[in-house]
Amino acid sequence: MTKNTNENFRKLRSEYYSNGVGAGSNRVVDSAKGALLYDVEGNEYIDFYGGIGTMNVGHCHPKVVKAIQDQAAKLTHSCFQVNAYPVALTLAERLCSLTPGTFDKKAVFFNSGAEAVENTVKIARYNTKRSGVVVFENGYHGRTLLTMTMTSKVKPFKFGFGPFAPEVYRMPFGDKVGASALNDFFIKHVNPEDIAAVVVEPVQGEGGFIAPPPDYFQELVKICRDNGILFVSDEIQSGMGRTGKMFAIEHWGVEPDLVAVGKSLAAGIPLTAVVGRAELLDAVHTGGLGGTYNGNPVACAAAHAVLDIFETEGMLEKSIALGEKIRSKFEKWQKEFTKVGEVRGIGAMSGFELVKGPDMQPDADAAQQLVNYCQDNGAIVLSCGIYGHVIRCLAPFVITDEQLEKGLSIIENGLAKICK
């Protein structure tokens, strides 16, 4: 029997688990509750990364736990494409009512964010009879062959894994140029009549918590409509209330043809969905979409509980309040610490750059020092961004004021140390 110490479990990981998987912390987590994590030695940590955005309603929420237990005692799996079951059908109904769009909608379930995004492309290609896909610099869409191709950052996501999928075109995101540049892009790089879909994160996650200008998506969607291109909103990280709206694209008042939903949909249980125009999802031939575990009943039950929590416990209001608090603190640090650069994101999906020198160059070393300091002092934070220099906040919405202030104090103390 392995003794419960971080060191012993790290040895097991080193000996038996692939080194190809990242190791962001020396701690081995044993349990969690709300916004707190506990390692195998009983040490407590404040969660500022939320299972990388999967725990918006908090760890082990009682309603989610009960829903999982009840469903597991009734039906753990049957394979939806062979025998459907009520918990998946009623969840599809709820998601169709929640995603933006006044048109008739349908849904289909998957297991991972990458799988959902990849299927938006399949659906778009099938309907348009076109093969091209436009994505954006700094974007992250997953680790399958196609979504890895769509992802912008080379290391660690793409390095050594080529050749990549064809017909994927990349252009700058809204922080650099306006959406009208897409028209120029169609002149210089690809004919719009060859493009099936434009796939975009409303707020870029792994790319550095980047949000575009106010009118960006309205212009982008108009260009898509004018050219018969489907507009796909990748809400895997930015959805489920993370920005203060149920889906981040709602901040711009546009209606995507397809929406990819994931991460916090089922509070950490693997479940994602594509929701969109009914005629698009219905056009695909029977059997063209699906998979063995897609829409697993236990995962669907967890998702129902999550949506119930949003309805009864004011999760969107909690998200907005959390966003205001962290944004205020980040902007305060921007004034106090020379290494804190741009404050980015929207609402509770906010982060800040760490920079160096008079020209404010990305400082990935400082970001890693801050991550290490926080972990050593009781808060788990992560960096992100193309250059690894952005500190992000994905704390559960249920974090208490006391926990939040304690965690922010740890980050602030770390900033003071690295800015000496």
Protein backbone atom coordinates (compact mmCIF):
# COMPACT_ATOMS: atom_id res chain seq x y z
CA MET A 1 0.00 0.00 0.00
CA THR A 2 1.43 3.36 -1.04
CA LYS A 3 1.78 5.77 1.86
CA ASN A 4 -0.29 8.93 1.35
CA THR A 5 2.40 11.49 0.67
CA ASN A 6 2.82 13.80 -2.31
CA GLU A 7 6.33 12.46 -2.82
CA ASN A 8 5.23 8.82 -2.99
CA PHE A 9 2.48 9.53 -5.48
CA ARG A 10 4.83 11.66 -7.58
CA LYS A 11 7.10 8.62 -7.77
CA LEU A 12 4.18 6.49 -8.96
CA ARG A 13 3.39 9.08 -11.59
CA SER A 14 7.00 9.19 -12.73
CA GLU A 15 7.21 5.41 -12.97
CA TYR A 16 3.84 4.53 -14.47
CA TYR A 17 2.21 7.58 -16.09
CA SER A 18 3.27 9.10 -19.41
CA ASN A 19 5.64 12.03 -19.15
CA GLY A 20 3.86 13.41 -22.21
CA VAL A 21 1.14 14.75 -19.92
CA GLY A 22 1.88 18.08 -18.25
CA ALA A 23 2.62 18.28 -14.53
CA GLY A 24 1.60 21.71 -13.32
CA SER A 25 1.94 21.02 -9.61
CA ASN A 26 3.90 18.85 -7.21
CA ARG A 27 0.73 18.32 -5.19
CA VAL A 28 -1.48 15.27 -5.63
CA VAL A 29 -5.10 16.20 -4.97
CA ASP A 30 -7.19 13.78 -2.92
CA SER A 31 -10.47 15.69 -2.45
CA ALA A 32 -12.18 19.01 -3.04
CA LYS A 33 -15.20 20.98 -1.87
CA GLY A 34 -16.53 24.24 -3.24
CA ALA A 35 -13.46 26.32 -4.05
CA LEU A 36 -11.01 24.37 -1.89
CA LEU A 37 -8.66 21.51 -2.79
CA TYR A 38 -6.96 19.08 -0.41
CA ASP A 39 -3.87 17.08 -1.27
CA VAL A 40 -3.09 13.56 -0.07
CA GLU A 41 -1.33 14.98 2.99
CA GLY A 42 -4.37 17.08 3.98
CA ASN A 43 -2.97 20.46 2.91
CA GLU A 44 -5.59 22.98 1.78
CA TYR A 45 -5.43 25.08 -1.39
CA ILE A 46 -7.68 27.79 -2.77
CA ASP A 47 -8.72 26.91 -6.31
CA PHE A 48 -8.14 29.63 -8.89
CA TYR A 49 -8.15 27.30 -11.89
CA GLY A 50 -11.34 25.29 -11.35
CA GLY A 51 -10.17 22.09 -13.00
CA ILE A 52 -9.22 24.37 -15.93
CA GLY A 53 -12.68 25.84 -16.13
CA THR A 54 -14.81 22.78 -15.42
CA MET A 55 -15.96 23.61 -11.90
CA ASN A 56 -17.97 26.82 -12.25
CA VAL A 57 -20.55 25.60 -9.70
CA GLY A 58 -17.80 24.35 -7.41
CA HIS A 59 -16.28 20.99 -6.52
CA CYS A 60 -18.61 18.24 -5.31
CA HIS A 61 -21.71 20.41 -5.19
CA PRO A 62 -24.26 18.39 -3.18
CA LYS A 63 -26.89 18.55 -5.93
CA VAL A 64 -24.43 17.30 -8.53
CA VAL A 65 -23.20 14.52 -6.27
CA LYS A 66 -26.76 13.37 -5.54
CA ALA A 67 -27.73 13.48 -9.22
CA ILE A 68 -24.71 11.33 -10.09
CA GLN A 69 -25.45 8.85 -7.32
CA ASP A 70 -29.14 8.56 -8.20
CA GLN A 71 -28.48 8.08 -11.90
CA ALA A 72 -25.64 5.60 -11.30
CA ALA A 73 -28.03 3.45 -9.29
CA LYS A 74 -30.54 3.52 -12.15
CA LEU A 75 -28.62 3.45 -15.46
CA THR A 76 -24.92 4.06 -15.98
CA HIS A 77 -24.82 3.46 -19.72
CA SER A 78 -26.77 2.06 -22.63
CA CYS A 79 -25.31 3.82 -25.72
CA PHE A 80 -27.71 6.54 -26.85
CA GLN A 81 -27.53 5.62 -30.53
CA VAL A 82 -28.86 2.14 -29.73
CA ASN A 83 -31.33 2.96 -26.95
CA ALA A 84 -32.11 6.58 -26.03
CA TYR A 85 -32.97 7.57 -22.46
CA PRO A 86 -34.98 10.44 -20.92
CA VAL A 87 -32.11 12.19 -19.08
CA ALA A 88 -30.30 12.92 -22.36
CA LEU A 89 -33.41 13.97 -24.27
CA THR A 90 -34.56 16.41 -21.61
CA LEU A 91 -31.04 17.83 -21.36
CA ALA A 92 -31.00 18.44 -25.12
CA GLU A 93 -34.29 20.30 -24.74
CA ARG A 94 -32.86 22.52 -22.00
CA LEU A 95 -29.69 23.33 -23.91
CA CYS A 96 -31.64 24.27 -27.02
CA SER A 97 -33.60 26.78 -24.94
CA LEU A 98 -30.45 28.24 -23.35
CA THR A 99 -28.11 28.77 -26.29
CA PRO A 100 -28.44 32.03 -28.25
CA GLY A 101 -30.62 32.04 -31.37
CA THR A 102 -34.32 32.58 -32.10
CA PHE A 103 -34.40 29.77 -34.67
CA ASP A 104 -35.32 26.10 -34.14
CA LYS A 105 -32.39 24.23 -32.60
CA LYS A 106 -31.23 20.70 -31.95
CA ALA A 107 -28.35 19.25 -29.92
CA VAL A 108 -25.94 16.34 -30.06
CA PHE A 109 -23.68 15.18 -27.24
CA PHE A 110 -19.97 14.32 -27.15
CA ASN A 111 -17.28 13.56 -24.56
CA SER A 112 -14.64 16.27 -24.87
CA GLY A 113 -14.30 19.85 -26.04
CA ALA A 114 -12.13 18.79 -28.95
CA GLU A 115 -14.71 16.24 -30.04
CA ALA A 116 -17.47 18.86 -29.95
CA VAL A 117 -15.45 21.41 -31.93
CA GLU A 118 -14.42 18.81 -34.49
CA ASN A 119 -18.06 17.89 -35.00
CA THR A 120 -19.03 21.51 -35.63
CA VAL A 121 -16.62 21.35 -38.56
CA LYS A 122 -18.08 18.03 -39.75
CA ILE A 123 -21.59 19.49 -39.62
CA ALA A 124 -20.50 22.67 -41.40
CA ARG A 125 -18.69 20.78 -44.15
CA TYR A 126 -21.62 18.43 -44.68
CA ASN A 127 -24.10 21.27 -45.05
CA THR A 128 -22.05 23.69 -47.12
CA LYS A 129 -20.26 21.11 -49.28
CA ARG A 130 -17.12 23.17 -48.64
CA SER A 131 -13.93 22.06 -46.92
CA GLY A 132 -12.16 25.18 -45.62
CA VAL A 133 -12.18 26.35 -42.01
CA VAL A 134 -11.05 29.77 -40.76
CA VAL A 135 -9.64 30.02 -37.24
CA PHE A 136 -7.65 32.66 -35.38
CA GLU A 137 -4.23 33.37 -33.96
CA ASN A 138 -3.98 32.57 -30.24
CA GLY A 139 -6.95 30.21 -30.53
CA TYR A 140 -7.15 26.85 -28.77
CA HIS A 141 -9.64 24.20 -29.90
CA GLY A 142 -8.29 20.84 -28.73
CA ARG A 143 -5.81 18.00 -29.26
CA THR A 144 -7.34 15.78 -31.95
CA LEU A 145 -5.69 15.97 -35.37
CA LEU A 146 -8.18 18.52 -36.70
CA THR A 147 -8.56 20.62 -33.55
CA MET A 148 -4.80 20.51 -32.94
CA THR A 149 -4.41 21.90 -36.45
CA MET A 150 -6.95 24.59 -35.60
CA THR A 151 -5.05 25.47 -32.42
CA SER A 152 -2.52 28.28 -32.73
CA LYS A 153 0.24 27.46 -30.23
CA VAL A 154 2.96 25.04 -31.41
CA LYS A 155 4.53 23.92 -28.12
CA PRO A 156 3.28 21.91 -26.36
CA PHE A 157 0.13 21.25 -28.39
CA LYS A 158 1.38 20.64 -31.94
CA PHE A 159 5.13 20.10 -31.80
CA GLY A 160 6.17 16.81 -33.41
CA PHE A 161 2.63 15.70 -34.25
CA GLY A 162 2.41 16.70 -37.92
CA PRO A 163 1.52 16.50 -40.69
CA PHE A 164 -1.62 18.43 -39.88
CA ALA A 165 -5.12 18.46 -41.34
CA PRO A 166 -5.56 20.39 -44.60
CA GLU A 167 -7.83 23.32 -45.41
CA VAL A 168 -7.41 25.18 -42.09
CA TYR A 169 -6.69 28.90 -42.47
CA ARG A 170 -5.61 31.22 -39.68
CA MET A 171 -6.02 34.97 -39.36
CA PRO A 172 -5.32 37.55 -36.62
CA PHE A 173 -7.89 37.90 -33.84
CA GLY A 174 -9.72 41.07 -32.82
CA ASP A 175 -7.00 42.37 -30.54
CA LYS A 176 -4.88 43.14 -33.62
CA VAL A 177 -7.18 43.96 -36.53
CA GLY A 178 -10.85 44.48 -37.20
CA ALA A 179 -13.12 41.78 -38.54
CA SER A 180 -13.15 43.59 -41.89
CA ALA A 181 -9.67 42.14 -42.39
CA LEU A 182 -11.48 38.90 -43.17
CA ASN A 183 -12.50 40.39 -46.52
CA ASP A 184 -8.85 41.10 -47.27
CA PHE A 185 -8.00 37.61 -46.06
CA PHE A 186 -10.40 36.18 -48.63
CA ILE A 187 -8.52 38.01 -51.37
CA LYS A 188 -5.01 37.02 -50.30
CA HIS A 189 -5.38 33.57 -48.78
CA VAL A 190 -8.55 31.66 -49.68
CA ASN A 191 -11.74 32.06 -51.69
CA PRO A 192 -14.74 32.53 -49.36
CA GLU A 193 -16.70 30.09 -51.52
CA ASP A 194 -14.35 27.38 -50.23
CA ILE A 195 -14.95 28.14 -46.53
CA ALA A 196 -17.45 26.04 -44.60
CA ALA A 197 -17.11 27.72 -41.21
CA VAL A 198 -15.43 30.39 -39.16
CA VAL A 199 -14.71 28.88 -35.72
CA VAL A 200 -13.84 31.26 -32.90
CA GLU A 201 -13.65 31.50 -29.12
CA PRO A 202 -15.58 34.64 -28.06
CA VAL A 203 -12.96 35.11 -25.35
CA GLN A 204 -9.76 33.22 -26.06
CA GLY A 205 -8.81 30.92 -23.20
CA GLU A 206 -5.46 29.16 -23.51
CA GLY A 207 -4.40 31.92 -25.89
CA GLY A 208 -4.34 34.47 -23.08
CA PHE A 209 -7.88 35.54 -22.09
CA ILE A 210 -8.21 37.90 -25.05
CA ALA A 211 -11.55 39.57 -25.84
CA PRO A 212 -12.16 41.48 -29.11
CA PRO A 213 -13.48 45.05 -29.56
CA PRO A 214 -17.21 45.82 -29.07
CA ASP A 215 -18.37 45.57 -32.70
CA TYR A 216 -16.03 42.79 -33.78
CA PHE A 217 -18.40 39.85 -33.90
CA GLN A 218 -21.29 41.78 -35.45
CA GLU A 219 -19.03 42.59 -38.39
CA LEU A 220 -17.57 39.09 -38.53
CA VAL A 221 -21.01 37.45 -38.57
CA LYS A 222 -22.21 39.77 -41.33
CA ILE A 223 -19.26 38.76 -43.50
CA CYS A 224 -20.05 35.09 -42.82
CA ARG A 225 -23.71 35.57 -43.74
CA ASP A 226 -22.82 37.47 -46.94
CA ASN A 227 -20.58 34.60 -48.04
CA GLY A 228 -22.67 31.58 -47.00
CA ILE A 229 -20.21 30.66 -44.23
CA LEU A 230 -21.39 29.15 -40.95
CA PHE A 231 -20.40 30.99 -37.77
CA VAL A 232 -19.34 28.67 -34.92
CA SER A 233 -18.87 29.86 -31.35
CA ASP A 234 -16.46 27.68 -29.36
CA GLU A 235 -17.83 28.14 -25.83
CA ILE A 236 -16.02 25.18 -24.28
CA GLN A 237 -14.21 27.42 -21.78
CA SER A 238 -16.04 30.74 -22.07
CA GLY A 239 -19.55 29.32 -21.70
CA MET A 240 -21.65 28.16 -18.75
CA GLY A 241 -21.66 31.59 -17.12
CA ARG A 242 -17.91 32.16 -17.01
CA THR A 243 -18.12 35.72 -18.40
CA GLY A 244 -21.36 36.71 -16.65
CA LYS A 245 -23.56 35.58 -19.54
CA MET A 246 -24.57 31.96 -20.00
CA PHE A 247 -22.57 32.03 -23.23
CA ALA A 248 -19.89 34.62 -23.91
CA ILE A 249 -21.05 35.36 -27.46
CA GLU A 250 -24.18 36.93 -25.93
CA HIS A 251 -22.07 39.98 -25.02
CA TRP A 252 -22.05 40.86 -28.74
CA GLY A 253 -25.71 40.13 -29.46
CA VAL A 254 -25.10 37.77 -32.38
CA GLU A 255 -26.56 34.33 -33.06
CA PRO A 256 -24.08 31.56 -33.93
CA ASP A 257 -25.16 28.84 -36.32
CA LEU A 258 -23.50 26.29 -34.05
CA VAL A 259 -22.31 26.47 -30.45
CA ALA A 260 -19.83 24.07 -28.83
CA VAL A 261 -20.58 23.66 -25.11
CA GLY A 262 -18.40 21.87 -22.58
CA LYS A 263 -16.13 21.98 -19.52
CA SER A 264 -18.47 23.21 -16.74
CA LEU A 265 -21.58 21.77 -18.41
CA ALA A 266 -21.49 18.70 -16.16
CA ALA A 267 -19.25 19.93 -13.33
CA GLY A 268 -16.23 17.89 -14.31
CA ILE A 269 -18.01 14.79 -15.65
CA PRO A 270 -16.98 14.37 -19.32
CA LEU A 271 -19.83 15.78 -21.38
CA THR A 272 -19.92 18.29 -24.23
CA ALA A 273 -22.50 19.28 -26.80
CA VAL A 274 -23.01 20.92 -30.15
CA VAL A 275 -26.19 22.98 -30.26
CA GLY A 276 -27.35 24.82 -33.34
CA ARG A 277 -29.74 25.30 -36.19
CA ALA A 278 -32.00 22.27 -36.41
CA GLU A 279 -31.74 22.03 -40.18
CA LEU A 280 -27.94 21.82 -39.97
CA LEU A 281 -27.87 18.98 -37.45
CA ASP A 282 -30.71 17.13 -39.17
CA ALA A 283 -29.10 17.32 -42.61
CA VAL A 284 -26.35 14.87 -41.65
CA HIS A 285 -27.22 11.30 -42.63
CA THR A 286 -28.29 8.93 -39.88
CA GLY A 287 -25.22 7.50 -38.17
CA GLY A 288 -22.96 10.30 -39.37
CA LEU A 289 -22.78 11.71 -35.84
CA GLY A 290 -22.42 9.79 -32.60
CA GLY A 291 -20.14 7.67 -30.46
CA THR A 292 -20.27 4.98 -27.81
CA TYR A 293 -20.22 7.20 -24.74
CA ASN A 294 -21.81 10.34 -26.18
CA GLY A 295 -24.52 11.63 -23.86
CA ASN A 296 -23.73 9.18 -21.08
CA PRO A 297 -26.69 9.15 -18.66
CA VAL A 298 -24.61 9.83 -15.54
CA ALA A 299 -22.97 12.82 -17.23
CA CYS A 300 -26.36 14.09 -18.42
CA ALA A 301 -27.75 13.81 -14.90
CA ALA A 302 -24.82 15.88 -13.62
CA ALA A 303 -25.52 18.49 -16.30
CA HIS A 304 -29.19 18.68 -15.29
CA ALA A 305 -28.06 19.35 -11.72
CA VAL A 306 -25.70 22.08 -12.94
CA LEU A 307 -28.51 23.80 -14.84
CA ASP A 308 -30.76 23.49 -11.78
CA ILE A 309 -28.05 25.16 -9.70
CA PHE A 310 -27.83 28.01 -12.19
CA GLU A 311 -31.58 28.50 -11.94
CA THR A 312 -31.94 28.29 -8.16
CA GLU A 313 -28.64 29.55 -6.75
CA GLY A 314 -27.95 32.66 -8.82
CA MET A 315 -24.80 31.41 -10.54
CA LEU A 316 -24.79 34.16 -13.15
CA GLU A 317 -25.09 36.79 -10.44
CA LYS A 318 -22.28 35.12 -8.52
CA SER A 319 -20.16 35.10 -11.67
CA ILE A 320 -20.74 38.81 -12.27
CA ALA A 321 -19.87 39.66 -8.65
CA LEU A 322 -16.74 37.50 -8.78
CA GLY A 323 -15.69 39.14 -12.03
CA GLU A 324 -16.06 42.62 -10.57
CA LYS A 325 -13.97 41.73 -7.53
CA ILE A 326 -11.08 40.11 -9.38
CA ARG A 327 -11.06 42.74 -12.12
CA SER A 328 -10.83 45.49 -9.52
CA LYS A 329 -7.93 43.75 -7.82
CA PHE A 330 -6.09 43.09 -11.09
CA GLU A 331 -6.42 46.73 -12.14
CA LYS A 332 -5.11 47.79 -8.74
CA TRP A 333 -2.05 45.58 -9.23
CA GLN A 334 -1.58 47.03 -12.70
CA LYS A 335 -0.99 50.41 -11.06
CA GLU A 336 1.14 49.10 -8.21
CA PHE A 337 3.44 46.56 -9.86
CA THR A 338 5.60 47.36 -12.86
CA LYS A 339 5.50 43.75 -14.01
CA VAL A 340 1.71 43.67 -14.31
CA GLY A 341 0.78 44.60 -17.87
CA GLU A 342 -2.57 44.41 -19.62
CA VAL A 343 -5.61 43.20 -17.69
CA ARG A 344 -7.61 40.96 -20.01
CA GLY A 345 -10.85 39.07 -20.41
CA ILE A 346 -14.45 39.58 -19.38
CA GLY A 347 -16.01 39.11 -15.95
CA ALA A 348 -14.90 36.03 -14.03
CA MET A 349 -12.82 35.00 -17.06
CA SER A 350 -10.09 37.56 -16.41
CA GLY A 351 -6.32 37.52 -16.29
CA PHE A 352 -3.30 39.78 -16.33
CA GLU A 353 -0.01 39.86 -18.17
CA LEU A 354 3.40 39.70 -16.56
CA VAL A 355 5.88 41.78 -18.54
CA LYS A 356 9.45 43.04 -18.38
CA GLY A 357 11.49 45.98 -19.65
CA PRO A 358 10.42 49.37 -20.96
CA ASP A 359 8.84 47.76 -24.04
CA MET A 360 6.63 45.51 -21.85
CA GLN A 361 7.77 42.19 -23.33
CA PRO A 362 6.07 38.96 -22.13
CA ASP A 363 7.74 37.56 -19.01
CA ALA A 364 7.00 33.85 -18.85
CA ASP A 365 9.68 33.31 -16.18
CA ALA A 366 7.96 35.74 -13.83
CA ALA A 367 4.62 34.05 -14.50
CA GLN A 368 6.06 30.67 -13.57
CA GLN A 369 7.67 32.11 -10.45
CA LEU A 370 4.29 33.49 -9.40
CA VAL A 371 2.53 30.19 -10.10
CA ASN A 372 5.13 28.36 -7.98
CA TYR A 373 4.91 30.88 -5.15
CA CYS A 374 1.12 30.61 -5.01
CA GLN A 375 1.16 26.81 -4.97
CA ASP A 376 3.74 26.83 -2.18
CA ASN A 377 1.55 29.20 -0.17
CA GLY A 378 -1.90 27.69 -0.55
CA ALA A 379 -3.41 28.85 -3.86
CA ILE A 380 -3.45 27.02 -7.18
CA VAL A 381 -3.18 29.41 -10.14
CA LEU A 382 -2.15 28.71 -13.72
CA SER A 383 -0.56 30.67 -16.51
CA CYS A 384 -1.69 30.75 -20.12
CA GLY A 385 -1.12 32.68 -23.33
CA ILE A 386 0.93 32.09 -26.44
CA TYR A 387 4.03 33.25 -24.53
CA GLY A 388 3.02 31.70 -21.20
CA HIS A 389 2.96 35.08 -19.44
CA VAL A 390 -0.72 35.53 -18.52
CA ILE A 391 -2.05 34.64 -15.07
CA ARG A 392 -5.68 33.58 -15.36
CA CYS A 393 -8.57 33.24 -12.95
CA LEU A 394 -11.10 30.44 -13.36
CA ALA A 395 -12.18 30.23 -9.73
CA PRO A 396 -15.51 28.52 -8.97
CA PHE A 397 -18.40 30.96 -8.67
CA VAL A 398 -19.13 29.62 -5.17
CA ILE A 399 -15.83 30.83 -3.75
CA THR A 400 -16.50 32.72 -0.51
CA ASP A 401 -15.35 36.30 0.03
CA GLU A 402 -12.95 35.08 2.69
CA GLN A 403 -11.44 32.45 0.38
CA LEU A 404 -11.22 34.92 -2.48
CA GLU A 405 -9.49 37.57 -0.41
CA LYS A 406 -7.07 35.04 1.03
CA GLY A 407 -6.22 33.74 -2.42
CA LEU A 408 -5.82 37.21 -3.89
CA SER A 409 -3.56 38.13 -0.97
CA ILE A 410 -1.34 35.14 -1.77
CA ILE A 411 -1.08 36.28 -5.40
CA GLU A 412 -0.37 39.85 -4.30
CA ASN A 413 2.37 38.72 -1.94
CA GLY A 414 3.88 36.70 -4.76
CA LEU A 415 3.80 39.73 -7.05
CA ALA A 416 5.53 41.82 -4.38
CA LYS A 417 8.26 39.19 -4.14
CA ILE A 418 8.97 38.86 -7.87
CA CYS A 419 8.75 42.63 -8.43
CA LYS A 420 11.50 43.48 -5.89
